[in-house]
Amino acid sequence: MSTTSSWVDKEAARLTAAFVADLNEIGFLRRPERAGAAPGERSTLDAAIMIAITQANVAPLLRDPDRQTAFDGLDAPPPDELRRPVSIRSLADSLGLPAETVRRRVHRMAAEGVCVLSPRGVVVPQRVLASEHYTGPALETCARLGRLYGELRALGALGPPRHPAEAPSPGAFPHRRVMRIWGDHLLRSLDSVTRNLGDLVTVMLLLSILRANTEGGPGTSPRPVSVAALARRQGLPEETVRRYILRLTAEGRCLRTTRGLVLPPDVLDRPEWGAFTSAHLANLRRFFAALDAQGLLAEWEAERSAALEPTR
């Protein structure tokens, strides 16, 4: 491997890790809809379960190009009759979580009205996916994906589109179609993520620490984060977070300082993180290739070209 290629791979790995850490806190339906609920009360674990439910519900649409196009905008959530219920056991298996954990959380969310349970399984209804609790994170996620695309293109880690297309007219970006493809990619990536870094809660906490540590930007000293702040970020009980952190510090995977928690300086160079970022970068390339095949990179490519225009 050439020095240039090695540098590109390392920078791409850094961008990938930062991107995943960002998305870990964008979440999906992180704020409960019931009156008087505190912002952030729902955890990122709940958000992962909700993503798994919605993806299973719309799985038939992923195999139907006409329906994909018909329900691709934010103003066009698929109707409930097109949603396929999914069992709690299937959800637990897809996320690598104990069935009882998933069952308890799904029943709580059903009581809050953000999903519907029936003998056939669980569904996130159209009214929820039409609300700002979905559309807000969808807009933010697509914007972050677009920035990552531009960063990887500028770095040379992604090539130009093989299927050029015209950029959509203003307000016509297919957010829902991109989110369905992204959700499918995300769930497929979970296996490599948890295989390299640990169970889902461990991964979420490590990524949240990484994001907090790097909020000052490249070249700045890491910003420590307290256990209490970490619990708030993740919507988890402080005692649960403290228990996980005790194990992670004992394993040398995070460090406790007088100001809070930081990841070790060499963390991104460790084999498990290298395997994680390499696998995720490969998965991201497949994701962008899937968007390319459907002509969905045009807006991001146009934004990239416009940003380069003053330097030509």
Protein backbone atom coordinates (compact mmCIF):
# COMPACT_ATOMS: atom_id res chain seq x y z
CA MET A 1 0.00 0.00 0.00
CA SER A 2 1.39 3.45 -0.98
CA THR A 3 1.93 6.20 1.57
CA THR A 4 -0.81 8.30 -0.09
CA SER A 5 -3.27 5.41 -0.08
CA SER A 6 -2.50 4.70 3.59
CA TRP A 7 -3.08 8.37 4.48
CA VAL A 8 -6.40 8.45 2.60
CA ASP A 9 -7.55 5.29 4.37
CA LYS A 10 -6.59 6.72 7.78
CA GLU A 11 -8.35 10.04 7.13
CA ALA A 12 -11.40 8.20 5.79
CA ALA A 13 -11.43 6.08 8.95
CA ARG A 14 -11.32 9.24 11.09
CA LEU A 15 -14.20 10.81 9.13
CA THR A 16 -16.19 7.57 9.38
CA ALA A 17 -15.74 7.34 13.16
CA ALA A 18 -16.78 10.99 13.62
CA PHE A 19 -19.79 10.49 11.37
CA VAL A 20 -21.03 7.44 13.29
CA ALA A 21 -20.50 9.27 16.59
CA ASP A 22 -22.61 12.18 15.29
CA LEU A 23 -25.45 9.94 14.10
CA ASN A 24 -25.43 8.12 17.44
CA GLU A 25 -26.85 11.29 18.99
CA ILE A 26 -29.16 12.49 16.20
CA GLY A 27 -31.39 9.55 17.05
CA PHE A 28 -34.93 8.76 15.97
CA LEU A 29 -37.93 9.68 18.10
CA ARG A 30 -35.56 10.50 20.94
CA ARG A 31 -38.13 12.86 22.48
CA PRO A 32 -41.26 11.09 23.78
CA GLU A 33 -44.50 12.44 22.38
CA ARG A 34 -46.59 12.20 25.52
CA ALA A 35 -47.42 15.46 27.25
CA GLY A 36 -44.91 16.67 29.80
CA ALA A 37 -42.17 14.19 28.86
CA ALA A 38 -38.62 15.45 29.25
CA PRO A 39 -36.52 15.92 26.08
CA GLY A 40 -34.02 13.11 25.60
CA GLU A 41 -35.88 10.80 28.00
CA ARG A 42 -36.02 8.06 25.38
CA SER A 43 -32.64 6.40 24.91
CA THR A 44 -30.60 5.75 21.79
CA LEU A 45 -31.34 2.08 22.45
CA ASP A 46 -35.02 2.88 21.94
CA ALA A 47 -34.07 4.76 18.77
CA ALA A 48 -32.25 1.68 17.44
CA ILE A 49 -35.31 -0.46 18.15
CA MET A 50 -37.55 2.06 16.37
CA ILE A 51 -35.29 2.03 13.31
CA ALA A 52 -35.42 -1.77 13.25
CA ILE A 53 -39.23 -1.69 13.47
CA THR A 54 -39.65 0.87 10.69
CA GLN A 55 -37.24 -0.97 8.39
CA ALA A 56 -39.04 -4.26 8.90
CA ASN A 57 -42.40 -2.53 8.36
CA VAL A 58 -41.39 -1.12 4.95
CA ALA A 59 -39.19 -4.01 3.77
CA PRO A 60 -41.57 -4.81 0.87
CA LEU A 61 -41.13 -1.25 -0.45
CA LEU A 62 -37.37 -1.78 -0.80
CA ARG A 63 -38.13 -4.44 -3.42
CA ASP A 64 -40.65 -2.31 -5.33
CA PRO A 65 -39.08 0.57 -7.35
CA ASP A 66 -42.44 2.15 -8.18
CA ARG A 67 -43.53 2.33 -4.55
CA GLN A 68 -40.09 3.51 -3.51
CA THR A 69 -40.53 6.49 -5.83
CA ALA A 70 -44.17 7.08 -4.87
CA PHE A 71 -43.26 7.39 -1.17
CA ASP A 72 -39.86 9.08 -1.31
CA GLY A 73 -40.57 12.61 -0.05
CA LEU A 74 -41.02 13.82 3.51
CA ASP A 75 -44.65 14.63 2.71
CA ALA A 76 -45.34 11.06 1.53
CA PRO A 77 -45.03 8.47 4.34
CA PRO A 78 -46.31 5.05 3.22
CA PRO A 79 -49.85 4.29 4.45
CA ASP A 80 -50.39 1.84 7.28
CA GLU A 81 -51.86 -0.84 5.01
CA LEU A 82 -48.48 -1.17 3.28
CA ARG A 83 -46.61 -1.73 6.56
CA ARG A 84 -45.69 -5.26 7.54
CA PRO A 85 -45.70 -6.00 11.31
CA VAL A 86 -42.56 -7.48 12.85
CA SER A 87 -42.28 -9.74 15.89
CA ILE A 88 -40.37 -8.77 19.02
CA ARG A 89 -38.23 -11.89 18.65
CA SER A 90 -37.18 -10.83 15.14
CA LEU A 91 -36.31 -7.36 16.43
CA ALA A 92 -34.20 -8.79 19.25
CA ASP A 93 -32.36 -11.10 16.85
CA SER A 94 -31.63 -8.31 14.35
CA LEU A 95 -30.20 -6.04 17.07
CA GLY A 96 -28.43 -8.70 19.14
CA LEU A 97 -30.42 -7.71 22.23
CA PRO A 98 -32.19 -9.87 24.82
CA ALA A 99 -35.81 -10.45 23.81
CA GLU A 100 -37.04 -9.32 27.24
CA THR A 101 -35.19 -5.99 26.88
CA VAL A 102 -36.83 -5.37 23.50
CA ARG A 103 -40.24 -6.53 24.75
CA ARG A 104 -40.13 -4.20 27.76
CA ARG A 105 -39.11 -1.19 25.70
CA VAL A 106 -41.59 -1.88 22.88
CA HIS A 107 -44.47 -2.20 25.35
CA ARG A 108 -43.49 1.10 26.97
CA MET A 109 -43.27 2.86 23.60
CA ALA A 110 -46.63 1.35 22.58
CA ALA A 111 -48.15 2.82 25.75
CA GLU A 112 -46.69 6.19 24.72
CA GLY A 113 -48.36 5.88 21.31
CA VAL A 114 -45.28 5.76 19.07
CA CYS A 115 -45.84 2.18 17.92
CA VAL A 116 -48.79 -0.21 17.74
CA LEU A 117 -48.78 -3.79 19.02
CA SER A 118 -51.05 -6.51 17.64
CA PRO A 119 -51.02 -10.32 17.57
CA ARG A 120 -49.19 -10.05 14.23
CA GLY A 121 -46.38 -7.90 15.63
CA VAL A 122 -45.41 -4.26 16.03
CA VAL A 123 -45.77 -1.33 13.61
CA VAL A 124 -44.72 2.31 13.69
CA PRO A 125 -47.82 3.98 12.20
CA GLN A 126 -47.94 6.57 9.44
CA ARG A 127 -48.99 9.38 11.82
CA VAL A 128 -45.75 9.00 13.80
CA LEU A 129 -43.57 8.97 10.67
CA ALA A 130 -45.36 12.10 9.45
CA SER A 131 -44.54 13.95 12.69
CA GLU A 132 -41.52 16.14 13.41
CA HIS A 133 -40.17 13.40 15.68
CA TYR A 134 -39.27 11.54 12.48
CA THR A 135 -38.92 14.31 9.90
CA GLY A 136 -36.49 16.37 12.02
CA PRO A 137 -33.94 13.54 12.48
CA ALA A 138 -34.48 12.50 8.82
CA LEU A 139 -33.52 15.98 7.60
CA GLU A 140 -30.51 16.08 9.91
CA THR A 141 -29.37 12.56 8.97
CA CYS A 142 -29.60 13.25 5.23
CA ALA A 143 -27.69 16.51 5.66
CA ARG A 144 -24.95 14.70 7.61
CA LEU A 145 -24.79 11.95 4.96
CA GLY A 146 -24.41 14.64 2.31
CA ARG A 147 -21.53 16.26 4.21
CA LEU A 148 -19.83 12.90 4.62
CA TYR A 149 -20.24 12.20 0.91
CA GLY A 150 -18.57 15.52 0.09
CA GLU A 151 -15.75 14.88 2.57
CA LEU A 152 -15.04 11.39 1.22
CA ARG A 153 -15.18 12.64 -2.38
CA ALA A 154 -12.75 15.48 -1.59
CA LEU A 155 -10.44 13.01 0.11
CA GLY A 156 -10.46 10.66 -2.88
CA ALA A 157 -11.99 7.83 -0.85
CA LEU A 158 -15.06 7.85 -3.14
CA GLY A 159 -15.08 8.12 -6.92
CA PRO A 160 -17.52 10.15 -9.05
CA PRO A 161 -21.02 8.77 -9.64
CA ARG A 162 -21.34 6.08 -12.29
CA HIS A 163 -24.95 7.01 -12.94
CA PRO A 164 -25.08 10.81 -13.24
CA ALA A 165 -28.52 12.35 -12.83
CA GLU A 166 -30.07 15.79 -12.63
CA ALA A 167 -30.35 17.26 -9.16
CA PRO A 168 -33.93 17.29 -7.81
CA SER A 169 -35.83 20.56 -7.84
CA PRO A 170 -35.79 22.54 -4.55
CA GLY A 171 -37.84 20.80 -1.87
CA ALA A 172 -38.00 17.55 -3.85
CA PHE A 173 -35.09 15.66 -2.25
CA PRO A 174 -36.19 12.02 -1.67
CA HIS A 175 -35.52 12.00 2.07
CA ARG A 176 -37.67 8.97 2.83
CA ARG A 177 -36.17 6.81 0.10
CA VAL A 178 -32.64 7.74 1.21
CA MET A 179 -33.59 7.02 4.83
CA ARG A 180 -35.02 3.60 3.92
CA ILE A 181 -31.82 2.68 2.09
CA TRP A 182 -29.76 4.11 4.97
CA GLY A 183 -31.75 2.21 7.59
CA ASP A 184 -31.21 -1.04 5.71
CA HIS A 185 -27.49 -0.31 5.52
CA LEU A 186 -27.33 0.63 9.20
CA LEU A 187 -28.91 -2.60 10.39
CA ARG A 188 -26.69 -4.66 8.11
CA SER A 189 -23.68 -2.86 9.62
CA LEU A 190 -24.62 -3.64 13.21
CA ASP A 191 -23.11 -7.09 13.07
CA SER A 192 -19.62 -5.82 12.24
CA VAL A 193 -19.95 -2.96 14.74
CA THR A 194 -20.91 -5.14 17.69
CA ARG A 195 -18.49 -7.88 16.67
CA ASN A 196 -15.58 -5.44 16.89
CA LEU A 197 -16.59 -3.09 19.70
CA GLY A 198 -19.04 -4.99 21.91
CA ASP A 199 -22.78 -5.03 22.62
CA LEU A 200 -25.03 -2.22 21.39
CA VAL A 201 -25.03 -0.19 24.63
CA THR A 202 -21.22 -0.41 24.87
CA VAL A 203 -20.89 0.81 21.28
CA MET A 204 -23.29 3.71 21.88
CA LEU A 205 -21.41 4.82 24.99
CA LEU A 206 -18.00 4.62 23.31
CA LEU A 207 -19.27 6.63 20.35
CA SER A 208 -20.85 9.21 22.65
CA ILE A 209 -17.57 9.64 24.53
CA LEU A 210 -15.75 9.99 21.20
CA ARG A 211 -18.18 12.67 20.05
CA ALA A 212 -17.89 14.62 23.31
CA ASN A 213 -14.09 14.39 23.28
CA THR A 214 -13.86 15.74 19.71
CA GLU A 215 -16.41 18.57 19.94
CA GLY A 216 -13.58 21.11 20.04
CA GLY A 217 -12.55 20.17 16.51
CA PRO A 218 -9.37 18.67 14.97
CA GLY A 219 -6.12 19.51 16.75
CA THR A 220 -7.76 20.50 20.04
CA SER A 221 -7.41 18.78 23.39
CA PRO A 222 -10.07 16.14 24.15
CA ARG A 223 -13.09 17.46 26.03
CA PRO A 224 -13.85 15.10 28.94
CA VAL A 225 -17.46 14.10 29.56
CA SER A 226 -18.97 13.17 32.93
CA VAL A 227 -20.98 10.02 33.61
CA ALA A 228 -24.02 12.20 34.30
CA ALA A 229 -23.65 14.03 30.98
CA LEU A 230 -23.13 10.75 29.17
CA ALA A 231 -26.33 9.37 30.72
CA ARG A 232 -28.23 12.46 29.56
CA ARG A 233 -26.81 12.18 26.04
CA GLN A 234 -27.89 8.55 25.79
CA GLY A 235 -31.15 8.78 27.72
CA LEU A 236 -30.00 5.98 30.03
CA PRO A 237 -30.10 5.68 33.84
CA GLU A 238 -26.93 7.09 35.37
CA GLU A 239 -26.34 3.88 37.33
CA THR A 240 -26.49 1.82 34.12
CA VAL A 241 -23.91 4.10 32.49
CA ARG A 242 -21.71 3.99 35.59
CA ARG A 243 -21.74 0.17 35.52
CA TYR A 244 -20.68 0.08 31.88
CA ILE A 245 -17.98 2.70 32.43
CA LEU A 246 -16.46 0.72 35.30
CA ARG A 247 -16.01 -2.20 32.93
CA LEU A 248 -14.68 -0.06 30.08
CA THR A 249 -12.11 1.68 32.31
CA ALA A 250 -11.01 -1.68 33.74
CA GLU A 251 -10.49 -2.88 30.15
CA GLY A 252 -8.51 0.27 29.28
CA ARG A 253 -11.04 1.31 26.65
CA CYS A 254 -11.72 4.67 28.28
CA LEU A 255 -9.89 6.74 30.88
CA ARG A 256 -11.30 8.52 33.93
CA THR A 257 -9.73 11.93 34.62
CA THR A 258 -10.51 14.55 37.26
CA ARG A 259 -12.64 16.37 34.64
CA GLY A 260 -14.42 13.33 33.23
CA LEU A 261 -14.08 10.50 30.73
CA VAL A 262 -11.86 10.43 27.65
CA LEU A 263 -10.90 7.77 25.18
CA PRO A 264 -7.21 6.76 25.09
CA PRO A 265 -5.14 8.83 22.61
CA ASP A 266 -4.36 5.77 20.49
CA VAL A 267 -7.93 4.48 20.41
CA LEU A 268 -8.52 4.87 16.66
CA ASP A 269 -5.25 3.03 15.98
CA ARG A 270 -6.26 -0.04 18.00
CA PRO A 271 -7.09 -3.22 16.07
CA GLU A 272 -10.74 -3.34 17.15
CA TRP A 273 -11.38 0.28 16.08
CA GLY A 274 -9.41 -0.25 12.88
CA ALA A 275 -11.56 -3.28 12.06
CA PHE A 276 -14.71 -1.33 12.91
CA THR A 277 -13.87 1.75 10.81
CA SER A 278 -12.60 -0.34 7.87
CA ALA A 279 -15.76 -2.46 7.84
CA HIS A 280 -17.99 0.58 8.20
CA LEU A 281 -16.18 2.47 5.44
CA ALA A 282 -16.64 -0.52 3.13
CA ASN A 283 -20.33 -0.58 4.07
CA LEU A 284 -20.64 3.15 3.44
CA ARG A 285 -19.15 2.73 -0.02
CA ARG A 286 -21.81 0.10 -0.74
CA PHE A 287 -24.47 2.46 0.60
CA PHE A 288 -23.37 5.32 -1.65
CA ALA A 289 -23.15 2.88 -4.57
CA ALA A 290 -26.78 1.88 -3.89
CA LEU A 291 -27.79 5.56 -3.96
CA ASP A 292 -25.77 6.05 -7.13
CA ALA A 293 -27.55 3.14 -8.83
CA GLN A 294 -30.87 4.95 -8.21
CA GLY A 295 -29.55 8.35 -9.29
CA LEU A 296 -29.77 9.76 -5.76
CA LEU A 297 -26.34 11.38 -5.48
CA ALA A 298 -27.09 14.26 -7.85
CA GLU A 299 -27.93 16.90 -5.21
CA TRP A 300 -24.89 16.12 -3.08
CA GLU A 301 -22.67 16.08 -6.18
CA ALA A 302 -24.09 19.46 -7.23
CA GLU A 303 -23.42 20.86 -3.75
CA ARG A 304 -19.86 19.59 -3.92
CA SER A 305 -19.31 21.17 -7.35
CA ALA A 306 -20.77 24.48 -6.17
CA ALA A 307 -18.45 24.48 -3.15
CA LEU A 308 -15.43 23.95 -5.43
CA GLU A 309 -16.47 26.66 -7.90
CA PRO A 310 -14.65 29.65 -6.26
CA THR A 311 -11.32 27.75 -6.27
CA ARG A 312 -11.36 27.00 -10.01
